[in-house]
Every structure is written in C-alpha cells, then in structure tokens.
C-alpha cells in the first residue's frame, strides 16, 4: 500500500502544474521563442485554443476586435493553436501565415496539445486550477475560452459556440477591467 501511495504521489507531482497563477508560466510563441506569461501580469487575459480548419475559425475576427477594443485598458487575447481535434495546419509557419489573413495582432503561441497527457503547462493550469469544479476538466473542442483576471486566476470558461464578442463575455471582461 505504501508503494502504491508513493507511486500515486510521484505521478501527481509529475503531471500537475505547481504554478499559483497563469503569469508564472512560459510557453513557446508561434516563432518558437519561449515567452514568459509574466509579460501579461496585471492584465485581463482571454486564452483561446484555436484551429485553422474549424467551423469556429471565423471567431478569429471577434478575438481581434475585442483585443483592439480593450487592449489599452489592460486586456490581451492569447491564441494557442492545437491539432488535438485534427483541424489545425501542420506547422507553426502555416498557422502564422493563415492568421495573417485575419490580421491577428494578439500573441499567438506554438501549436501544442491542450488535452490529454501531453497537455502543455498553460492548459494544465487552465483546466485544473479553478476553485470551481464546473470550470475544470478537459477542453472539449476548438475555440474554448478561459477568462483570467489580473492576478492570473481563471474566472470564467466559455464553450466554443460562445463568440468572443458575446454580450456576457464582454460584460465579464468589462467587470474585470
């Protein structure tokens, strides 16, 4: 029994992210450079897992619109491309070129896993850190959104069908600004 508990403790410590907030993490940007999320400390952040070949891909337009609308008030959108649902292009270069068509100016990160055992640390934090059980759990599809407050804590989670410019999401952003 002791060995089983030790193995369980070891597995838990390896697979969990020990960050107290989003701003303690780093992630590779779309060009492959490590980007410390501390660069966004003190901002309200909307984190979105994206895919270029998804029915929700036109949400890129709304993501850019709200980024432009609120950026001077301390708001940023962070886009995390992922092929977990088999709808993303095959390279970061192709993703970056595709996003240029949407005139994306918010930060984009390297394509990475947002689900499963290879989930990148940002998504490990987002899907496991909330004090509210309803906001925890695996990402279910492309364009799920996580709203993070200025302290780096997950405040809300929105399903893919909720557009970034949905009145409730905008209201939640404005409350945090």
C-alpha atoms as a PDB file:
ATOM      1  CA  UNK A   1       0.000   0.000   0.000  1.00  0.00           C
ATOM      2  CA  UNK A   2       2.822   2.394   0.853  1.00  0.00           C
ATOM      3  CA  UNK A   3       4.406   1.764  -2.556  1.00  0.00           C
ATOM      4  CA  UNK A   4       1.089   2.452  -4.275  1.00  0.00           C
ATOM      5  CA  UNK A   5       0.690   5.741  -2.395  1.00  0.00           C
ATOM      6  CA  UNK A   6       4.270   6.704  -3.234  1.00  0.00           C
ATOM      7  CA  UNK A   7       3.678   5.966  -6.912  1.00  0.00           C
ATOM      8  CA  UNK A   8       0.445   7.948  -6.854  1.00  0.00           C
ATOM      9  CA  UNK A   9       2.186  10.901  -5.192  1.00  0.00           C
ATOM     10  CA  UNK A  10       5.009  10.776  -7.732  1.00  0.00           C
ATOM     11  CA  UNK A  11       2.553  10.609 -10.671  1.00  0.00           C
ATOM     12  CA  UNK A  12       0.540  13.531  -9.276  1.00  0.00           C
ATOM     13  CA  UNK A  13       3.607  15.682  -8.752  1.00  0.00           C
ATOM     14  CA  UNK A  14       4.884  14.973 -12.279  1.00  0.00           C
ATOM     15  CA  UNK A  15       1.616  15.663 -14.074  1.00  0.00           C
ATOM     16  CA  UNK A  16       0.363  18.687 -12.182  1.00  0.00           C
ATOM     17  CA  UNK A  17       1.446  22.278 -12.672  1.00  0.00           C
ATOM     18  CA  UNK A  18       2.557  23.953  -9.496  1.00  0.00           C
ATOM     19  CA  UNK A  19       2.025  27.499 -10.752  1.00  0.00           C
ATOM     20  CA  UNK A  20      -0.063  29.649  -8.441  1.00  0.00           C
ATOM     21  CA  UNK A  21      -1.220  31.774 -11.359  1.00  0.00           C
ATOM     22  CA  UNK A  22      -1.049  31.962 -15.140  1.00  0.00           C
ATOM     23  CA  UNK A  23       1.715  34.565 -15.072  1.00  0.00           C
ATOM     24  CA  UNK A  24       4.222  32.115 -13.540  1.00  0.00           C
ATOM     25  CA  UNK A  25       4.220  30.005 -16.721  1.00  0.00           C
ATOM     26  CA  UNK A  26       6.044  30.236 -20.034  1.00  0.00           C
ATOM     27  CA  UNK A  27       5.096  28.916 -23.448  1.00  0.00           C
ATOM     28  CA  UNK A  28       6.748  28.906 -26.868  1.00  0.00           C
ATOM     29  CA  UNK A  29       5.344  31.567 -29.165  1.00  0.00           C
ATOM     30  CA  UNK A  30       4.435  30.917 -32.801  1.00  0.00           C
ATOM     31  CA  UNK A  31       8.040  31.654 -33.808  1.00  0.00           C
ATOM     32  CA  UNK A  32       9.436  29.156 -31.271  1.00  0.00           C
ATOM     33  CA  UNK A  33      10.806  31.590 -28.687  1.00  0.00           C
ATOM     34  CA  UNK A  34       9.937  30.965 -25.046  1.00  0.00           C
ATOM     35  CA  UNK A  35       7.548  33.695 -23.921  1.00  0.00           C
ATOM     36  CA  UNK A  36       7.147  34.237 -20.185  1.00  0.00           C
ATOM     37  CA  UNK A  37       3.488  34.913 -19.457  1.00  0.00           C
ATOM     38  CA  UNK A  38       4.695  37.322 -16.779  1.00  0.00           C
ATOM     39  CA  UNK A  39       4.747  39.803 -19.694  1.00  0.00           C
ATOM     40  CA  UNK A  40       0.973  39.909 -19.285  1.00  0.00           C
ATOM     41  CA  UNK A  41       0.968  40.207 -15.488  1.00  0.00           C
ATOM     42  CA  UNK A  42      -1.650  42.681 -14.340  1.00  0.00           C
ATOM     43  CA  UNK A  43      -3.753  42.284 -17.483  1.00  0.00           C
ATOM     44  CA  UNK A  44      -7.099  40.609 -18.021  1.00  0.00           C
ATOM     45  CA  UNK A  45      -6.446  37.684 -20.352  1.00  0.00           C
ATOM     46  CA  UNK A  46      -8.670  35.673 -22.674  1.00  0.00           C
ATOM     47  CA  UNK A  47      -6.953  32.383 -23.565  1.00  0.00           C
ATOM     48  CA  UNK A  48      -8.368  30.554 -26.592  1.00  0.00           C
ATOM     49  CA  UNK A  49      -7.340  27.244 -28.169  1.00  0.00           C
ATOM     50  CA  UNK A  50      -7.606  27.736 -31.901  1.00  0.00           C
ATOM     51  CA  UNK A  51      -7.612  25.716 -35.123  1.00  0.00           C
ATOM     52  CA  UNK A  52      -7.412  26.948 -38.699  1.00  0.00           C
ATOM     53  CA  UNK A  53      -9.839  24.439 -40.221  1.00  0.00           C
ATOM     54  CA  UNK A  54     -12.648  24.557 -37.679  1.00  0.00           C
ATOM     55  CA  UNK A  55     -16.195  25.805 -38.123  1.00  0.00           C
ATOM     56  CA  UNK A  56     -15.440  28.290 -35.330  1.00  0.00           C
ATOM     57  CA  UNK A  57     -12.325  29.688 -37.043  1.00  0.00           C
ATOM     58  CA  UNK A  58     -14.158  32.906 -38.054  1.00  0.00           C
ATOM     59  CA  UNK A  59     -14.074  33.742 -34.317  1.00  0.00           C
ATOM     60  CA  UNK A  60     -10.539  34.993 -35.006  1.00  0.00           C
ATOM     61  CA  UNK A  61     -12.221  38.199 -36.259  1.00  0.00           C
ATOM     62  CA  UNK A  62     -14.070  38.732 -32.982  1.00  0.00           C
ATOM     63  CA  UNK A  63     -10.939  37.841 -30.988  1.00  0.00           C
ATOM     64  CA  UNK A  64      -9.020  40.578 -32.797  1.00  0.00           C
ATOM     65  CA  UNK A  65     -11.928  43.045 -32.420  1.00  0.00           C
ATOM     66  CA  UNK A  66     -12.145  42.674 -28.650  1.00  0.00           C
ATOM     67  CA  UNK A  67      -8.356  42.746 -28.345  1.00  0.00           C
ATOM     68  CA  UNK A  68      -8.313  46.090 -30.169  1.00  0.00           C
ATOM     69  CA  UNK A  69     -11.311  47.391 -28.200  1.00  0.00           C
ATOM     70  CA  UNK A  70      -9.890  46.674 -24.736  1.00  0.00           C
ATOM     71  CA  UNK A  71      -6.111  46.456 -25.148  1.00  0.00           C
ATOM     72  CA  UNK A  72      -5.481  49.998 -23.881  1.00  0.00           C
ATOM     73  CA  UNK A  73      -7.436  49.137 -20.725  1.00  0.00           C
ATOM     74  CA  UNK A  74      -5.155  46.227 -19.870  1.00  0.00           C
ATOM     75  CA  UNK A  75      -6.653  43.340 -21.832  1.00  0.00           C
ATOM     76  CA  UNK A  76      -4.986  40.749 -24.047  1.00  0.00           C
ATOM     77  CA  UNK A  77      -6.072  37.720 -26.067  1.00  0.00           C
ATOM     78  CA  UNK A  78      -3.684  34.761 -26.211  1.00  0.00           C
ATOM     79  CA  UNK A  79      -4.185  32.277 -29.042  1.00  0.00           C
ATOM     80  CA  UNK A  80      -3.000  28.686 -28.594  1.00  0.00           C
ATOM     81  CA  UNK A  81      -3.274  26.689 -31.824  1.00  0.00           C
ATOM     82  CA  UNK A  82      -3.817  22.975 -31.348  1.00  0.00           C
ATOM     83  CA  UNK A  83      -4.355  19.978 -33.571  1.00  0.00           C
ATOM     84  CA  UNK A  84      -5.950  17.895 -30.797  1.00  0.00           C
ATOM     85  CA  UNK A  85      -9.175  17.779 -32.802  1.00  0.00           C
ATOM     86  CA  UNK A  86      -7.427  17.295 -36.165  1.00  0.00           C
ATOM     87  CA  UNK A  87      -8.334  20.691 -37.583  1.00  0.00           C
ATOM     88  CA  UNK A  88      -5.069  22.626 -37.394  1.00  0.00           C
ATOM     89  CA  UNK A  89      -2.461  23.149 -40.074  1.00  0.00           C
ATOM     90  CA  UNK A  90       0.717  21.087 -39.897  1.00  0.00           C
ATOM     91  CA  UNK A  91       3.310  23.741 -38.995  1.00  0.00           C
ATOM     92  CA  UNK A  92       3.616  26.915 -36.990  1.00  0.00           C
ATOM     93  CA  UNK A  93       4.704  28.733 -40.152  1.00  0.00           C
ATOM     94  CA  UNK A  94       1.479  27.709 -41.942  1.00  0.00           C
ATOM     95  CA  UNK A  95      -0.610  28.709 -38.916  1.00  0.00           C
ATOM     96  CA  UNK A  96       1.089  32.103 -38.708  1.00  0.00           C
ATOM     97  CA  UNK A  97       0.558  32.711 -42.428  1.00  0.00           C
ATOM     98  CA  UNK A  98      -3.098  31.653 -42.150  1.00  0.00           C
ATOM     99  CA  UNK A  99      -3.652  34.039 -39.208  1.00  0.00           C
ATOM    100  CA  UNK A 100      -2.137  36.919 -41.169  1.00  0.00           C
ATOM    101  CA  UNK A 101      -5.260  36.686 -43.337  1.00  0.00           C
ATOM    102  CA  UNK A 102      -7.256  37.626 -40.224  1.00  0.00           C
ATOM    103  CA  UNK A 103      -4.782  40.430 -39.423  1.00  0.00           C
ATOM    104  CA  UNK A 104      -4.140  38.953 -35.983  1.00  0.00           C
ATOM    105  CA  UNK A 105      -2.072  41.240 -33.769  1.00  0.00           C
ATOM    106  CA  UNK A 106      -2.578  39.492 -30.418  1.00  0.00           C
ATOM    107  CA  UNK A 107       0.050  36.942 -29.309  1.00  0.00           C
ATOM    108  CA  UNK A 108      -0.049  33.514 -30.917  1.00  0.00           C
ATOM    109  CA  UNK A 109       1.741  30.531 -29.457  1.00  0.00           C
ATOM    110  CA  UNK A 110       3.257  27.426 -30.988  1.00  0.00           C
ATOM    111  CA  UNK A 111       0.869  24.631 -31.830  1.00  0.00           C
ATOM    112  CA  UNK A 112       0.635  22.298 -28.858  1.00  0.00           C
ATOM    113  CA  UNK A 113      -1.646  19.870 -27.125  1.00  0.00           C
ATOM    114  CA  UNK A 114      -4.422  21.295 -24.950  1.00  0.00           C
ATOM    115  CA  UNK A 115      -5.811  17.900 -23.905  1.00  0.00           C
ATOM    116  CA  UNK A 116      -4.552  14.565 -22.625  1.00  0.00           C
ATOM    117  CA  UNK A 117      -1.303  13.502 -21.046  1.00  0.00           C
ATOM    118  CA  UNK A 118       0.834  15.729 -23.320  1.00  0.00           C
ATOM    119  CA  UNK A 119      -1.164  18.847 -22.486  1.00  0.00           C
ATOM    120  CA  UNK A 120       1.066  21.883 -22.360  1.00  0.00           C
ATOM    121  CA  UNK A 121       1.502  23.558 -18.931  1.00  0.00           C
ATOM    122  CA  UNK A 122      -0.712  26.573 -19.682  1.00  0.00           C
ATOM    123  CA  UNK A 123      -3.650  24.274 -20.386  1.00  0.00           C
ATOM    124  CA  UNK A 124      -2.776  22.049 -17.450  1.00  0.00           C
ATOM    125  CA  UNK A 125      -3.138  25.166 -15.296  1.00  0.00           C
ATOM    126  CA  UNK A 126      -6.321  26.407 -17.006  1.00  0.00           C
ATOM    127  CA  UNK A 127      -8.158  23.092 -16.841  1.00  0.00           C
ATOM    128  CA  UNK A 128      -7.145  22.144 -13.291  1.00  0.00           C
ATOM    129  CA  UNK A 129      -6.612  25.299 -11.239  1.00  0.00           C
ATOM    130  CA  UNK A 130     -10.048  26.818 -10.817  1.00  0.00           C
ATOM    131  CA  UNK A 131     -11.621  26.632  -7.392  1.00  0.00           C
ATOM    132  CA  UNK A 132     -14.883  25.870  -9.178  1.00  0.00           C
ATOM    133  CA  UNK A 133     -15.294  22.262 -10.270  1.00  0.00           C
ATOM    134  CA  UNK A 134     -17.554  23.301 -13.170  1.00  0.00           C
ATOM    135  CA  UNK A 135     -14.639  25.154 -14.815  1.00  0.00           C
ATOM    136  CA  UNK A 136     -12.259  22.200 -14.533  1.00  0.00           C
ATOM    137  CA  UNK A 137     -11.821  19.383 -16.990  1.00  0.00           C
ATOM    138  CA  UNK A 138     -10.532  18.699 -20.457  1.00  0.00           C
ATOM    139  CA  UNK A 139     -11.028  21.100 -23.329  1.00  0.00           C
ATOM    140  CA  UNK A 140     -13.874  19.662 -25.371  1.00  0.00           C
ATOM    141  CA  UNK A 141     -13.342  21.400 -28.720  1.00  0.00           C
ATOM    142  CA  UNK A 142     -11.524  24.184 -30.544  1.00  0.00           C
ATOM    143  CA  UNK A 143     -12.150  27.785 -29.515  1.00  0.00           C
ATOM    144  CA  UNK A 144     -12.963  27.165 -25.855  1.00  0.00           C
ATOM    145  CA  UNK A 145     -12.204  30.309 -23.926  1.00  0.00           C
ATOM    146  CA  UNK A 146     -10.770  30.931 -20.463  1.00  0.00           C
ATOM    147  CA  UNK A 147     -11.048  34.356 -18.867  1.00  0.00           C
ATOM    148  CA  UNK A 148      -8.219  35.105 -16.446  1.00  0.00           C
ATOM    149  CA  UNK A 149      -8.163  38.052 -14.045  1.00  0.00           C
ATOM    150  CA  UNK A 150      -5.298  40.495 -13.409  1.00  0.00           C
ATOM    151  CA  UNK A 151      -3.960  38.186 -10.678  1.00  0.00           C
ATOM    152  CA  UNK A 152      -3.682  35.276 -13.114  1.00  0.00           C
ATOM    153  CA  UNK A 153      -6.651  33.275 -11.810  1.00  0.00           C
ATOM    154  CA  UNK A 154      -9.249  31.573 -14.017  1.00  0.00           C
ATOM    155  CA  UNK A 155     -12.529  33.449 -13.552  1.00  0.00           C
ATOM    156  CA  UNK A 156     -14.742  32.007 -16.280  1.00  0.00           C
ATOM    157  CA  UNK A 157     -14.807  29.396 -19.033  1.00  0.00           C
ATOM    158  CA  UNK A 158     -16.874  29.601 -22.206  1.00  0.00           C
ATOM    159  CA  UNK A 159     -17.692  26.844 -24.691  1.00  0.00           C
ATOM    160  CA  UNK A 160     -16.697  27.032 -28.342  1.00  0.00           C
ATOM    161  CA  UNK A 161     -20.102  28.258 -29.523  1.00  0.00           C
ATOM    162  CA  UNK A 162     -19.834  31.416 -27.389  1.00  0.00           C
ATOM    163  CA  UNK A 163     -18.332  34.054 -29.639  1.00  0.00           C
ATOM    164  CA  UNK A 164     -15.634  36.308 -28.149  1.00  0.00           C
ATOM    165  CA  UNK A 165     -17.976  39.266 -28.689  1.00  0.00           C
ATOM    166  CA  UNK A 166     -20.944  37.619 -26.953  1.00  0.00           C
ATOM    167  CA  UNK A 167     -22.576  40.164 -24.585  1.00  0.00           C
ATOM    168  CA  UNK A 168     -21.996  38.010 -21.478  1.00  0.00           C
ATOM    169  CA  UNK A 169     -18.320  37.513 -22.244  1.00  0.00           C
ATOM    170  CA  UNK A 170     -17.870  41.216 -22.964  1.00  0.00           C
ATOM    171  CA  UNK A 171     -19.675  42.060 -19.723  1.00  0.00           C
ATOM    172  CA  UNK A 172     -17.359  39.714 -17.809  1.00  0.00           C
ATOM    173  CA  UNK A 173     -14.290  41.317 -19.393  1.00  0.00           C
ATOM    174  CA  UNK A 174     -15.523  44.818 -18.578  1.00  0.00           C
ATOM    175  CA  UNK A 175     -16.132  43.867 -14.932  1.00  0.00           C
ATOM    176  CA  UNK A 176     -12.520  42.774 -14.627  1.00  0.00           C
ATOM    177  CA  UNK A 177     -11.124  45.869 -16.344  1.00  0.00           C
END
